[in-house]
Amino acid sequence: MSPATFLRPRALLGLIAGYLIWASCFVSLYTVLSLGCALAPNLPAGPFGLNVITLVLALVWLLHLAGFALLIQRTHSGHPEDEHAGFMRRVSLILHFSALAATLWVGLPVLFLPPCA
């Protein structure tokens, strides 16, 4: 496989896929929080003493974490054909794990802070 093969859009998309999931998570959480607080700021508590906005935010966050699990599993299970493919796989995994850490950091306040305070 030639080095020019790694300049294909699919290979480049594989490098930034984790950060695309992080960006989607960030925008989704911000949107759900903003709309939830604007439309229904005083909802009663639901299961586990959490209101509906917090539950929806947690669900959105968990769906993005599931996306990371699938992305990392697919990247890790790939069999590199040569040295260049192995290098790209290692770099992709490093980028995916750093984006996963950023997503965990963005979503943790959902569990500990009230949504519309």
PDB file of N, CA and C in Angstrom:
ATOM      1  N   MET A   1       0.846  -1.164   0.000  1.00  0.00           N
ATOM      2  CA  MET A   1       0.000   0.000   0.000  1.00  0.00           C
ATOM      3  C   MET A   1       0.895   1.231   0.000  1.00  0.00           C
ATOM      4  N   SER A   2       0.643   2.138  -0.871  1.00  0.00           N
ATOM      5  CA  SER A   2       1.502   3.314  -0.987  1.00  0.00           C
ATOM      6  C   SER A   2       1.078   4.378   0.020  1.00  0.00           C
ATOM      7  N   PRO A   3       1.998   5.277   0.388  1.00  0.00           N
ATOM      8  CA  PRO A   3       1.641   6.364   1.301  1.00  0.00           C
ATOM      9  C   PRO A   3       0.548   7.260   0.756  1.00  0.00           C
ATOM     10  N   ALA A   4       0.419   7.359  -0.567  1.00  0.00           N
ATOM     11  CA  ALA A   4      -0.639   8.187  -1.150  1.00  0.00           C
ATOM     12  C   ALA A   4      -2.021   7.620  -0.850  1.00  0.00           C
ATOM     13  N   THR A   5      -2.105   6.335  -0.550  1.00  0.00           N
ATOM     14  CA  THR A   5      -3.380   5.711  -0.228  1.00  0.00           C
ATOM     15  C   THR A   5      -3.972   6.309   1.042  1.00  0.00           C
ATOM     16  N   PHE A   6      -3.116   6.762   1.938  1.00  0.00           N
ATOM     17  CA  PHE A   6      -3.598   7.312   3.202  1.00  0.00           C
ATOM     18  C   PHE A   6      -4.152   8.719   3.066  1.00  0.00           C
ATOM     19  N   LEU A   7      -4.044   9.308   1.890  1.00  0.00           N
ATOM     20  CA  LEU A   7      -4.615  10.621   1.663  1.00  0.00           C
ATOM     21  C   LEU A   7      -6.027  10.525   1.109  1.00  0.00           C
ATOM     22  N   ARG A   8      -6.550   9.316   1.013  1.00  0.00           N
ATOM     23  CA  ARG A   8      -7.931   9.139   0.574  1.00  0.00           C
ATOM     24  C   ARG A   8      -8.869   9.677   1.636  1.00  0.00           C
ATOM     25  N   PRO A   9     -10.047  10.158   1.233  1.00  0.00           N
ATOM     26  CA  PRO A   9     -10.993  10.711   2.210  1.00  0.00           C
ATOM     27  C   PRO A   9     -11.378   9.732   3.314  1.00  0.00           C
ATOM     28  N   ARG A  10     -11.518   8.442   2.988  1.00  0.00           N
ATOM     29  CA  ARG A  10     -11.916   7.476   4.019  1.00  0.00           C
ATOM     30  C   ARG A  10     -10.845   7.347   5.102  1.00  0.00           C
ATOM     31  N   ALA A  11      -9.569   7.332   4.707  1.00  0.00           N
ATOM     32  CA  ALA A  11      -8.491   7.225   5.688  1.00  0.00           C
ATOM     33  C   ALA A  11      -8.416   8.480   6.548  1.00  0.00           C
ATOM     34  N   LEU A  12      -8.603   9.637   5.940  1.00  0.00           N
ATOM     35  CA  LEU A  12      -8.568  10.876   6.713  1.00  0.00           C
ATOM     36  C   LEU A  12      -9.783  10.992   7.626  1.00  0.00           C
ATOM     37  N   LEU A  13     -10.929  10.526   7.162  1.00  0.00           N
ATOM     38  CA  LEU A  13     -12.122  10.522   8.001  1.00  0.00           C
ATOM     39  C   LEU A  13     -11.934   9.606   9.205  1.00  0.00           C
ATOM     40  N   GLY A  14     -11.224   8.497   9.001  1.00  0.00           N
ATOM     41  CA  GLY A  14     -10.935   7.594  10.106  1.00  0.00           C
ATOM     42  C   GLY A  14     -10.093   8.243  11.194  1.00  0.00           C
ATOM     43  N   LEU A  15      -9.246   9.175  10.808  1.00  0.00           N
ATOM     44  CA  LEU A  15      -8.426   9.869  11.806  1.00  0.00           C
ATOM     45  C   LEU A  15      -9.244  10.825  12.663  1.00  0.00           C
ATOM     46  N   ILE A  16     -10.221  11.488  12.067  1.00  0.00           N
ATOM     47  CA  ILE A  16     -10.965  12.510  12.811  1.00  0.00           C
ATOM     48  C   ILE A  16     -12.329  12.034  13.288  1.00  0.00           C
ATOM     49  N   ALA A  17     -12.662  10.772  13.081  1.00  0.00           N
ATOM     50  CA  ALA A  17     -13.987  10.265  13.438  1.00  0.00           C
ATOM     51  C   ALA A  17     -14.300  10.451  14.924  1.00  0.00           C
ATOM     52  N   GLY A  18     -13.321  10.249  15.786  1.00  0.00           N
ATOM     53  CA  GLY A  18     -13.551  10.433  17.219  1.00  0.00           C
ATOM     54  C   GLY A  18     -13.901  11.871  17.567  1.00  0.00           C
ATOM     55  N   TYR A  19     -13.227  12.804  16.932  1.00  0.00           N
ATOM     56  CA  TYR A  19     -13.528  14.208  17.211  1.00  0.00           C
ATOM     57  C   TYR A  19     -14.837  14.649  16.570  1.00  0.00           C
ATOM     58  N   LEU A  20     -15.268  13.971  15.518  1.00  0.00           N
ATOM     59  CA  LEU A  20     -16.598  14.244  14.974  1.00  0.00           C
ATOM     60  C   LEU A  20     -17.669  13.776  15.949  1.00  0.00           C
ATOM     61  N   ILE A  21     -17.454  12.637  16.603  1.00  0.00           N
ATOM     62  CA  ILE A  21     -18.400  12.169  17.622  1.00  0.00           C
ATOM     63  C   ILE A  21     -18.398  13.131  18.807  1.00  0.00           C
ATOM     64  N   TRP A  22     -17.219  13.595  19.223  1.00  0.00           N
ATOM     65  CA  TRP A  22     -17.150  14.563  20.328  1.00  0.00           C
ATOM     66  C   TRP A  22     -17.918  15.833  19.977  1.00  0.00           C
ATOM     67  N   ALA A  23     -17.711  16.344  18.772  1.00  0.00           N
ATOM     68  CA  ALA A  23     -18.402  17.576  18.358  1.00  0.00           C
ATOM     69  C   ALA A  23     -19.911  17.353  18.324  1.00  0.00           C
ATOM     70  N   SER A  24     -20.336  16.207  17.822  1.00  0.00           N
ATOM     71  CA  SER A  24     -21.760  15.892  17.804  1.00  0.00           C
ATOM     72  C   SER A  24     -22.323  15.824  19.221  1.00  0.00           C
ATOM     73  N   CYS A  25     -21.575  15.227  20.131  1.00  0.00           N
ATOM     74  CA  CYS A  25     -22.012  15.140  21.531  1.00  0.00           C
ATOM     75  C   CYS A  25     -22.126  16.526  22.151  1.00  0.00           C
ATOM     76  N   PHE A  26     -21.122  17.349  21.947  1.00  0.00           N
ATOM     77  CA  PHE A  26     -21.106  18.702  22.508  1.00  0.00           C
ATOM     78  C   PHE A  26     -22.295  19.509  22.015  1.00  0.00           C
ATOM     79  N   VAL A  27     -22.520  19.502  20.705  1.00  0.00           N
ATOM     80  CA  VAL A  27     -23.617  20.271  20.127  1.00  0.00           C
ATOM     81  C   VAL A  27     -24.960  19.698  20.564  1.00  0.00           C
ATOM     82  N   SER A  28     -25.090  18.384  20.598  1.00  0.00           N
ATOM     83  CA  SER A  28     -26.349  17.764  21.003  1.00  0.00           C
ATOM     84  C   SER A  28     -26.689  18.070  22.458  1.00  0.00           C
ATOM     85  N   LEU A  29     -25.704  17.942  23.343  1.00  0.00           N
ATOM     86  CA  LEU A  29     -25.954  18.242  24.756  1.00  0.00           C
ATOM     87  C   LEU A  29     -26.323  19.711  24.950  1.00  0.00           C
ATOM     88  N   TYR A  30     -25.624  20.584  24.289  1.00  0.00           N
ATOM     89  CA  TYR A  30     -25.907  22.018  24.413  1.00  0.00           C
ATOM     90  C   TYR A  30     -27.302  22.327  23.876  1.00  0.00           C
ATOM     91  N   THR A  31     -27.688  21.725  22.764  1.00  0.00           N
ATOM     92  CA  THR A  31     -28.997  21.967  22.173  1.00  0.00           C
ATOM     93  C   THR A  31     -30.119  21.436  23.055  1.00  0.00           C
ATOM     94  N   VAL A  32     -29.976  20.203  23.532  1.00  0.00           N
ATOM     95  CA  VAL A  32     -31.010  19.618  24.388  1.00  0.00           C
ATOM     96  C   VAL A  32     -31.155  20.418  25.678  1.00  0.00           C
ATOM     97  N   LEU A  33     -30.047  20.824  26.254  1.00  0.00           N
ATOM     98  CA  LEU A  33     -30.104  21.616  27.479  1.00  0.00           C
ATOM     99  C   LEU A  33     -30.787  22.953  27.237  1.00  0.00           C
ATOM    100  N   SER A  34     -30.420  23.633  26.172  1.00  0.00           N
ATOM    101  CA  SER A  34     -31.005  24.946  25.878  1.00  0.00           C
ATOM    102  C   SER A  34     -32.494  24.845  25.595  1.00  0.00           C
ATOM    103  N   LEU A  35     -32.881  23.892  24.760  1.00  0.00           N
ATOM    104  CA  LEU A  35     -34.304  23.729  24.450  1.00  0.00           C
ATOM    105  C   LEU A  35     -35.092  23.253  25.664  1.00  0.00           C
ATOM    106  N   GLY A  36     -34.525  22.337  26.418  1.00  0.00           N
ATOM    107  CA  GLY A  36     -35.219  21.839  27.599  1.00  0.00           C
ATOM    108  C   GLY A  36     -35.452  22.926  28.632  1.00  0.00           C
ATOM    109  N   CYS A  37     -34.456  23.748  28.862  1.00  0.00           N
ATOM    110  CA  CYS A  37     -34.602  24.819  29.852  1.00  0.00           C
ATOM    111  C   CYS A  37     -35.496  25.947  29.341  1.00  0.00           C
ATOM    112  N   ALA A  38     -35.546  26.148  28.039  1.00  0.00           N
ATOM    113  CA  ALA A  38     -36.407  27.191  27.485  1.00  0.00           C
ATOM    114  C   ALA A  38     -37.872  26.758  27.444  1.00  0.00           C
ATOM    115  N   LEU A  39     -38.118  25.492  27.148  1.00  0.00           N
ATOM    116  CA  LEU A  39     -39.489  25.028  26.972  1.00  0.00           C
ATOM    117  C   LEU A  39     -40.116  24.486  28.250  1.00  0.00           C
ATOM    118  N   ALA A  40     -39.341  23.845  29.097  1.00  0.00           N
ATOM    119  CA  ALA A  40     -39.905  23.220  30.294  1.00  0.00           C
ATOM    120  C   ALA A  40     -38.886  23.240  31.430  1.00  0.00           C
ATOM    121  N   PRO A  41     -38.629  24.420  32.019  1.00  0.00           N
ATOM    122  CA  PRO A  41     -37.588  24.492  33.044  1.00  0.00           C
ATOM    123  C   PRO A  41     -37.959  23.872  34.391  1.00  0.00           C
ATOM    124  N   ASN A  42     -39.237  23.736  34.707  1.00  0.00           N
ATOM    125  CA  ASN A  42     -39.644  23.265  36.035  1.00  0.00           C
ATOM    126  C   ASN A  42     -40.386  21.939  35.972  1.00  0.00           C
ATOM    127  N   LEU A  43     -39.779  20.964  35.355  1.00  0.00           N
ATOM    128  CA  LEU A  43     -40.407  19.648  35.282  1.00  0.00           C
ATOM    129  C   LEU A  43     -40.243  18.915  36.614  1.00  0.00           C
ATOM    130  N   PRO A  44     -41.218  18.075  36.965  1.00  0.00           N
ATOM    131  CA  PRO A  44     -41.087  17.311  38.216  1.00  0.00           C
ATOM    132  C   PRO A  44     -40.004  16.240  38.088  1.00  0.00           C
ATOM    133  N   ALA A  45     -39.554  15.787  39.243  1.00  0.00           N
ATOM    134  CA  ALA A  45     -38.515  14.757  39.271  1.00  0.00           C
ATOM    135  C   ALA A  45     -39.091  13.429  38.780  1.00  0.00           C
ATOM    136  N   GLY A  46     -38.268  12.710  38.053  1.00  0.00           N
ATOM    137  CA  GLY A  46     -38.662  11.407  37.528  1.00  0.00           C
ATOM    138  C   GLY A  46     -37.959  10.303  38.289  1.00  0.00           C
ATOM    139  N   PRO A  47     -37.583   9.237  37.589  1.00  0.00           N
ATOM    140  CA  PRO A  47     -36.879   8.131  38.240  1.00  0.00           C
ATOM    141  C   PRO A  47     -35.535   8.571  38.816  1.00  0.00           C
ATOM    142  N   PHE A  48     -35.187   8.007  39.943  1.00  0.00           N
ATOM    143  CA  PHE A  48     -33.930   8.289  40.642  1.00  0.00           C
ATOM    144  C   PHE A  48     -33.831   9.746  41.083  1.00  0.00           C
ATOM    145  N   GLY A  49     -34.932  10.457  41.146  1.00  0.00           N
ATOM    146  CA  GLY A  49     -34.929  11.851  41.564  1.00  0.00           C
ATOM    147  C   GLY A  49     -34.417  12.806  40.509  1.00  0.00           C
ATOM    148  N   LEU A  50     -34.249  12.344  39.282  1.00  0.00           N
ATOM    149  CA  LEU A  50     -33.750  13.189  38.196  1.00  0.00           C
ATOM    150  C   LEU A  50     -34.924  13.681  37.362  1.00  0.00           C
ATOM    151  N   ASN A  51     -34.797  14.898  36.839  1.00  0.00           N
ATOM    152  CA  ASN A  51     -35.867  15.372  35.977  1.00  0.00           C
ATOM    153  C   ASN A  51     -35.654  14.871  34.549  1.00  0.00           C
ATOM    154  N   VAL A  52     -36.638  15.108  33.714  1.00  0.00           N
ATOM    155  CA  VAL A  52     -36.635  14.568  32.357  1.00  0.00           C
ATOM    156  C   VAL A  52     -35.477  15.137  31.537  1.00  0.00           C
ATOM    157  N   ILE A  53     -35.154  16.395  31.729  1.00  0.00           N
ATOM    158  CA  ILE A  53     -34.058  17.005  30.968  1.00  0.00           C
ATOM    159  C   ILE A  53     -32.742  16.289  31.267  1.00  0.00           C
ATOM    160  N   THR A  54     -32.477  16.008  32.535  1.00  0.00           N
ATOM    161  CA  THR A  54     -31.255  15.307  32.906  1.00  0.00           C
ATOM    162  C   THR A  54     -31.228  13.900  32.324  1.00  0.00           C
ATOM    163  N   LEU A  55     -32.368  13.223  32.330  1.00  0.00           N
ATOM    164  CA  LEU A  55     -32.427  11.875  31.764  1.00  0.00           C
ATOM    165  C   LEU A  55     -32.167  11.890  30.256  1.00  0.00           C
ATOM    166  N   VAL A  56     -32.722  12.858  29.550  1.00  0.00           N
ATOM    167  CA  VAL A  56     -32.493  12.954  28.099  1.00  0.00           C
ATOM    168  C   VAL A  56     -31.030  13.296  27.830  1.00  0.00           C
ATOM    169  N   LEU A  57     -30.470  14.199  28.619  1.00  0.00           N
ATOM    170  CA  LEU A  57     -29.051  14.543  28.449  1.00  0.00           C
ATOM    171  C   LEU A  57     -28.164  13.327  28.689  1.00  0.00           C
ATOM    172  N   ALA A  58     -28.474  12.558  29.716  1.00  0.00           N
ATOM    173  CA  ALA A  58     -27.686  11.356  30.003  1.00  0.00           C
ATOM    174  C   ALA A  58     -27.824  10.338  28.881  1.00  0.00           C
ATOM    175  N   LEU A  59     -29.018  10.200  28.324  1.00  0.00           N
ATOM    176  CA  LEU A  59     -29.227   9.268  27.218  1.00  0.00           C
ATOM    177  C   LEU A  59     -28.426   9.701  25.981  1.00  0.00           C
ATOM    178  N   VAL A  60     -28.452  10.975  25.666  1.00  0.00           N
ATOM    179  CA  VAL A  60     -27.671  11.492  24.522  1.00  0.00           C
ATOM    180  C   VAL A  60     -26.193  11.225  24.742  1.00  0.00           C
ATOM    181  N   TRP A  61     -25.715  11.479  25.951  1.00  0.00           N
ATOM    182  CA  TRP A  61     -24.296  11.271  26.268  1.00  0.00           C
ATOM    183  C   TRP A  61     -23.925   9.786  26.155  1.00  0.00           C
ATOM    184  N   LEU A  62     -24.780   8.912  26.682  1.00  0.00           N
ATOM    185  CA  LEU A  62     -24.511   7.469  26.616  1.00  0.00           C
ATOM    186  C   LEU A  62     -24.539   6.942  25.180  1.00  0.00           C
ATOM    187  N   LEU A  63     -25.407   7.486  24.345  1.00  0.00           N
ATOM    188  CA  LEU A  63     -25.415   7.078  22.937  1.00  0.00           C
ATOM    189  C   LEU A  63     -24.109   7.447  22.239  1.00  0.00           C
ATOM    190  N   HIS A  64     -23.576   8.609  22.563  1.00  0.00           N
ATOM    191  CA  HIS A  64     -22.295   9.001  21.978  1.00  0.00           C
ATOM    192  C   HIS A  64     -21.156   8.127  22.521  1.00  0.00           C
ATOM    193  N   LEU A  65     -21.214   7.764  23.782  1.00  0.00           N
ATOM    194  CA  LEU A  65     -20.199   6.861  24.330  1.00  0.00           C
ATOM    195  C   LEU A  65     -20.288   5.483  23.675  1.00  0.00           C
ATOM    196  N   ALA A  66     -21.498   5.039  23.364  1.00  0.00           N
ATOM    197  CA  ALA A  66     -21.655   3.777  22.642  1.00  0.00           C
ATOM    198  C   ALA A  66     -21.055   3.886  21.240  1.00  0.00           C
ATOM    199  N   GLY A  67     -21.204   5.044  20.629  1.00  0.00           N
ATOM    200  CA  GLY A  67     -20.567   5.273  19.332  1.00  0.00           C
ATOM    201  C   GLY A  67     -19.059   5.168  19.422  1.00  0.00           C
ATOM    202  N   PHE A  68     -18.494   5.681  20.504  1.00  0.00           N
ATOM    203  CA  PHE A  68     -17.052   5.545  20.716  1.00  0.00           C
ATOM    204  C   PHE A  68     -16.650   4.095  20.897  1.00  0.00           C
ATOM    205  N   ALA A  69     -17.450   3.335  21.628  1.00  0.00           N
ATOM    206  CA  ALA A  69     -17.126   1.915  21.822  1.00  0.00           C
ATOM    207  C   ALA A  69     -17.082   1.196  20.486  1.00  0.00           C
ATOM    208  N   LEU A  70     -18.046   1.470  19.635  1.00  0.00           N
ATOM    209  CA  LEU A  70     -18.072   0.850  18.312  1.00  0.00           C
ATOM    210  C   LEU A  70     -16.889   1.313  17.460  1.00  0.00           C
ATOM    211  N   LEU A  71     -16.598   2.605  17.476  1.00  0.00           N
ATOM    212  CA  LEU A  71     -15.496   3.144  16.681  1.00  0.00           C
ATOM    213  C   LEU A  71     -14.154   2.561  17.119  1.00  0.00           C
ATOM    214  N   ILE A  72     -13.914   2.512  18.412  1.00  0.00           N
ATOM    215  CA  ILE A  72     -12.642   1.995  18.910  1.00  0.00           C
ATOM    216  C   ILE A  72     -12.535   0.496  18.650  1.00  0.00           C
ATOM    217  N   GLN A  73     -13.636  -0.224  18.801  1.00  0.00           N
ATOM    218  CA  GLN A  73     -13.605  -1.657  18.530  1.00  0.00           C
ATOM    219  C   GLN A  73     -13.303  -1.929  17.068  1.00  0.00           C
ATOM    220  N   ARG A  74     -13.931  -1.175  16.169  1.00  0.00           N
ATOM    221  CA  ARG A  74     -13.694  -1.383  14.736  1.00  0.00           C
ATOM    222  C   ARG A  74     -12.281  -0.987  14.341  1.00  0.00           C
ATOM    223  N   THR A  75     -11.769   0.077  14.932  1.00  0.00           N
ATOM    224  CA  THR A  75     -10.411   0.505  14.609  1.00  0.00           C
ATOM    225  C   THR A  75      -9.395  -0.494  15.145  1.00  0.00           C
ATOM    226  N   HIS A  76      -9.623  -0.986  16.352  1.00  0.00           N
ATOM    227  CA  HIS A  76      -8.684  -1.909  16.977  1.00  0.00           C
ATOM    228  C   HIS A  76      -8.685  -3.281  16.306  1.00  0.00           C
ATOM    229  N   SER A  77      -9.830  -3.701  15.813  1.00  0.00           N
ATOM    230  CA  SER A  77      -9.915  -5.047  15.233  1.00  0.00           C
ATOM    231  C   SER A  77      -9.406  -5.111  13.801  1.00  0.00           C
ATOM    232  N   GLY A  78      -9.075  -3.970  13.198  1.00  0.00           N
ATOM    233  CA  GLY A  78      -8.558  -3.978  11.838  1.00  0.00           C
ATOM    234  C   GLY A  78      -7.179  -4.614  11.776  1.00  0.00           C
ATOM    235  N   HIS A  79      -6.916  -5.332  10.719  1.00  0.00           N
ATOM    236  CA  HIS A  79      -5.628  -5.988  10.542  1.00  0.00           C
ATOM    237  C   HIS A  79      -4.802  -5.184   9.546  1.00  0.00           C
ATOM    238  N   PRO A  80      -3.744  -4.532  10.027  1.00  0.00           N
ATOM    239  CA  PRO A  80      -2.938  -3.735   9.110  1.00  0.00           C
ATOM    240  C   PRO A  80      -2.223  -4.611   8.086  1.00  0.00           C
ATOM    241  N   GLU A  81      -2.258  -4.159   6.834  1.00  0.00           N
ATOM    242  CA  GLU A  81      -1.619  -4.911   5.768  1.00  0.00           C
ATOM    243  C   GLU A  81      -0.114  -4.669   5.746  1.00  0.00           C
ATOM    244  N   ASP A  82       0.299  -3.489   6.120  1.00  0.00           N
ATOM    245  CA  ASP A  82       1.724  -3.168   6.083  1.00  0.00           C
ATOM    246  C   ASP A  82       2.050  -2.176   7.191  1.00  0.00           C
ATOM    247  N   GLU A  83       3.264  -1.691   7.177  1.00  0.00           N
ATOM    248  CA  GLU A  83       3.746  -0.793   8.232  1.00  0.00           C
ATOM    249  C   GLU A  83       2.967   0.523   8.265  1.00  0.00           C
ATOM    250  N   HIS A  84       2.635   1.058   7.089  1.00  0.00           N
ATOM    251  CA  HIS A  84       1.909   2.332   7.045  1.00  0.00           C
ATOM    252  C   HIS A  84       0.500   2.188   7.624  1.00  0.00           C
ATOM    253  N   ALA A  85      -0.173   1.095   7.303  1.00  0.00           N
ATOM    254  CA  ALA A  85      -1.519   0.875   7.825  1.00  0.00           C
ATOM    255  C   ALA A  85      -1.491   0.681   9.337  1.00  0.00           C
ATOM    256  N   GLY A  86      -0.478  -0.006   9.842  1.00  0.00           N
ATOM    257  CA  GLY A  86      -0.347  -0.177  11.290  1.00  0.00           C
ATOM    258  C   GLY A  86      -0.110   1.145  11.996  1.00  0.00           C
ATOM    259  N   PHE A  87       0.696   1.996  11.384  1.00  0.00           N
ATOM    260  CA  PHE A  87       0.952   3.317  11.954  1.00  0.00           C
ATOM    261  C   PHE A  87      -0.332   4.147  11.983  1.00  0.00           C
ATOM    262  N   MET A  88      -1.086   4.120  10.892  1.00  0.00           N
ATOM    263  CA  MET A  88      -2.338   4.878  10.839  1.00  0.00           C
ATOM    264  C   MET A  88      -3.340   4.352  11.867  1.00  0.00           C
ATOM    265  N   ARG A  89      -3.354   3.036  12.076  1.00  0.00           N
ATOM    266  CA  ARG A  89      -4.261   2.467  13.076  1.00  0.00           C
ATOM    267  C   ARG A  89      -3.881   2.930  14.476  1.00  0.00           C
ATOM    268  N   ARG A  90      -2.584   2.952  14.790  1.00  0.00           N
ATOM    269  CA  ARG A  90      -2.143   3.407  16.117  1.00  0.00           C
ATOM    270  C   ARG A  90      -2.459   4.888  16.326  1.00  0.00           C
ATOM    271  N   VAL A  91      -2.215   5.699  15.311  1.00  0.00           N
ATOM    272  CA  VAL A  91      -2.517   7.132  15.416  1.00  0.00           C
ATOM    273  C   VAL A  91      -4.019   7.339  15.572  1.00  0.00           C
ATOM    274  N   SER A  92      -4.812   6.589  14.825  1.00  0.00           N
ATOM    275  CA  SER A  92      -6.272   6.694  14.937  1.00  0.00           C
ATOM    276  C   SER A  92      -6.739   6.338  16.340  1.00  0.00           C
ATOM    277  N   LEU A  93      -6.185   5.274  16.909  1.00  0.00           N
ATOM    278  CA  LEU A  93      -6.583   4.887  18.264  1.00  0.00           C
ATOM    279  C   LEU A  93      -6.206   5.944  19.289  1.00  0.00           C
ATOM    280  N   ILE A  94      -5.041   6.540  19.147  1.00  0.00           N
ATOM    281  CA  ILE A  94      -4.637   7.611  20.064  1.00  0.00           C
ATOM    282  C   ILE A  94      -5.602   8.782  19.965  1.00  0.00           C
ATOM    283  N   LEU A  95      -5.952   9.168  18.746  1.00  0.00           N
ATOM    284  CA  LEU A  95      -6.894  10.271  18.558  1.00  0.00           C
ATOM    285  C   LEU A  95      -8.285   9.916  19.081  1.00  0.00           C
ATOM    286  N   HIS A  96      -8.715   8.682  18.869  1.00  0.00           N
ATOM    287  CA  HIS A  96     -10.035   8.269  19.359  1.00  0.00           C
ATOM    288  C   HIS A  96     -10.091   8.297  20.887  1.00  0.00           C
ATOM    289  N   PHE A  97      -9.025   7.824  21.538  1.00  0.00           N
ATOM    290  CA  PHE A  97      -9.029   7.834  23.007  1.00  0.00           C
ATOM    291  C   PHE A  97      -8.951   9.253  23.568  1.00  0.00           C
ATOM    292  N   SER A  98      -8.246  10.145  22.894  1.00  0.00           N
ATOM    293  CA  SER A  98      -8.220  11.539  23.368  1.00  0.00           C
ATOM    294  C   SER A  98      -9.586  12.192  23.170  1.00  0.00           C
ATOM    295  N   ALA A  99     -10.274  11.878  22.079  1.00  0.00           N
ATOM    296  CA  ALA A  99     -11.622  12.406  21.871  1.00  0.00           C
ATOM    297  C   ALA A  99     -12.603  11.788  22.869  1.00  0.00           C
ATOM    298  N   LEU A 100     -12.405  10.534  23.219  1.00  0.00           N
ATOM    299  CA  LEU A 100     -13.242   9.893  24.236  1.00  0.00           C
ATOM    300  C   LEU A 100     -13.070  10.586  25.584  1.00  0.00           C
ATOM    301  N   ALA A 101     -11.834  10.916  25.940  1.00  0.00           N
ATOM    302  CA  ALA A 101     -11.591  11.636  27.195  1.00  0.00           C
ATOM    303  C   ALA A 101     -12.283  12.994  27.175  1.00  0.00           C
ATOM    304  N   ALA A 102     -12.238  13.680  26.045  1.00  0.00           N
ATOM    305  CA  ALA A 102     -12.914  14.977  25.929  1.00  0.00           C
ATOM    306  C   ALA A 102     -14.427  14.814  26.051  1.00  0.00           C
ATOM    307  N   THR A 103     -14.970  13.752  25.494  1.00  0.00           N
ATOM    308  CA  THR A 103     -16.407  13.501  25.579  1.00  0.00           C
ATOM    309  C   THR A 103     -16.824  13.159  27.006  1.00  0.00           C
ATOM    310  N   LEU A 104     -16.006  12.386  27.700  1.00  0.00           N
ATOM    311  CA  LEU A 104     -16.288  12.107  29.112  1.00  0.00           C
ATOM    312  C   LEU A 104     -16.280  13.397  29.925  1.00  0.00           C
ATOM    313  N   TRP A 105     -15.333  14.260  29.653  1.00  0.00           N
ATOM    314  CA  TRP A 105     -15.220  15.527  30.371  1.00  0.00           C
ATOM    315  C   TRP A 105     -16.428  16.419  30.104  1.00  0.00           C
ATOM    316  N   VAL A 106     -16.890  16.447  28.864  1.00  0.00           N
ATOM    317  CA  VAL A 106     -18.042  17.282  28.502  1.00  0.00           C
ATOM    318  C   VAL A 106     -19.321  16.741  29.135  1.00  0.00           C
ATOM    319  N   GLY A 107     -19.454  15.428  29.243  1.00  0.00           N
ATOM    320  CA  GLY A 107     -20.701  14.845  29.710  1.00  0.00           C
ATOM    321  C   GLY A 107     -20.820  14.631  31.198  1.00  0.00           C
ATOM    322  N   LEU A 108     -19.729  14.622  31.925  1.00  0.00           N
ATOM    323  CA  LEU A 108     -19.809  14.373  33.371  1.00  0.00           C
ATOM    324  C   LEU A 108     -20.670  15.380  34.125  1.00  0.00           C
ATOM    325  N   PRO A 109     -20.658  16.662  33.788  1.00  0.00           N
ATOM    326  CA  PRO A 109     -21.537  17.588  34.513  1.00  0.00           C
ATOM    327  C   PRO A 109     -23.021  17.258  34.385  1.00  0.00           C
ATOM    328  N   VAL A 110     -23.401  16.538  33.363  1.00  0.00           N
ATOM    329  CA  VAL A 110     -24.800  16.122  33.203  1.00  0.00           C
ATOM    330  C   VAL A 110     -25.252  15.322  34.414  1.00  0.00           C
ATOM    331  N   LEU A 111     -24.354  14.516  34.972  1.00  0.00           N
ATOM    332  CA  LEU A 111     -24.713  13.644  36.074  1.00  0.00           C
ATOM    333  C   LEU A 111     -24.709  14.343  37.431  1.00  0.00           C
ATOM    334  N   PHE A 112     -23.987  15.460  37.537  1.00  0.00           N
ATOM    335  CA  PHE A 112     -23.778  16.056  38.859  1.00  0.00           C
ATOM    336  C   PHE A 112     -24.391  17.444  39.048  1.00  0.00           C
ATOM    337  N   LEU A 113     -24.732  18.127  37.984  1.00  0.00           N
ATOM    338  CA  LEU A 113     -25.245  19.488  38.100  1.00  0.00           C
ATOM    339  C   LEU A 113     -26.712  19.547  37.669  1.00  0.00           C
ATOM    340  N   PRO A 114     -27.501  20.391  38.338  1.00  0.00           N
ATOM    341  CA  PRO A 114     -28.891  20.545  37.889  1.00  0.00           C
ATOM    342  C   PRO A 114     -28.916  21.254  36.532  1.00  0.00           C
ATOM    343  N   PRO A 115     -29.810  20.859  35.646  1.00  0.00           N
ATOM    344  CA  PRO A 115     -29.762  21.368  34.286  1.00  0.00           C
ATOM    345  C   PRO A 115     -30.105  22.847  34.123  1.00  0.00           C
ATOM    346  N   CYS A 116     -31.073  23.327  34.813  1.00  0.00           N
ATOM    347  CA  CYS A 116     -31.553  24.701  34.554  1.00  0.00           C
ATOM    348  C   CYS A 116     -31.282  25.622  35.739  1.00  0.00           C
ATOM    349  N   ALA A 117     -30.200  25.434  36.426  1.00  0.00           N
ATOM    350  CA  ALA A 117     -29.899  26.270  37.601  1.00  0.00           C
ATOM    351  C   ALA A 117     -29.299  27.599  37.200  1.00  0.00           C
TER     352      ALA A 117
END
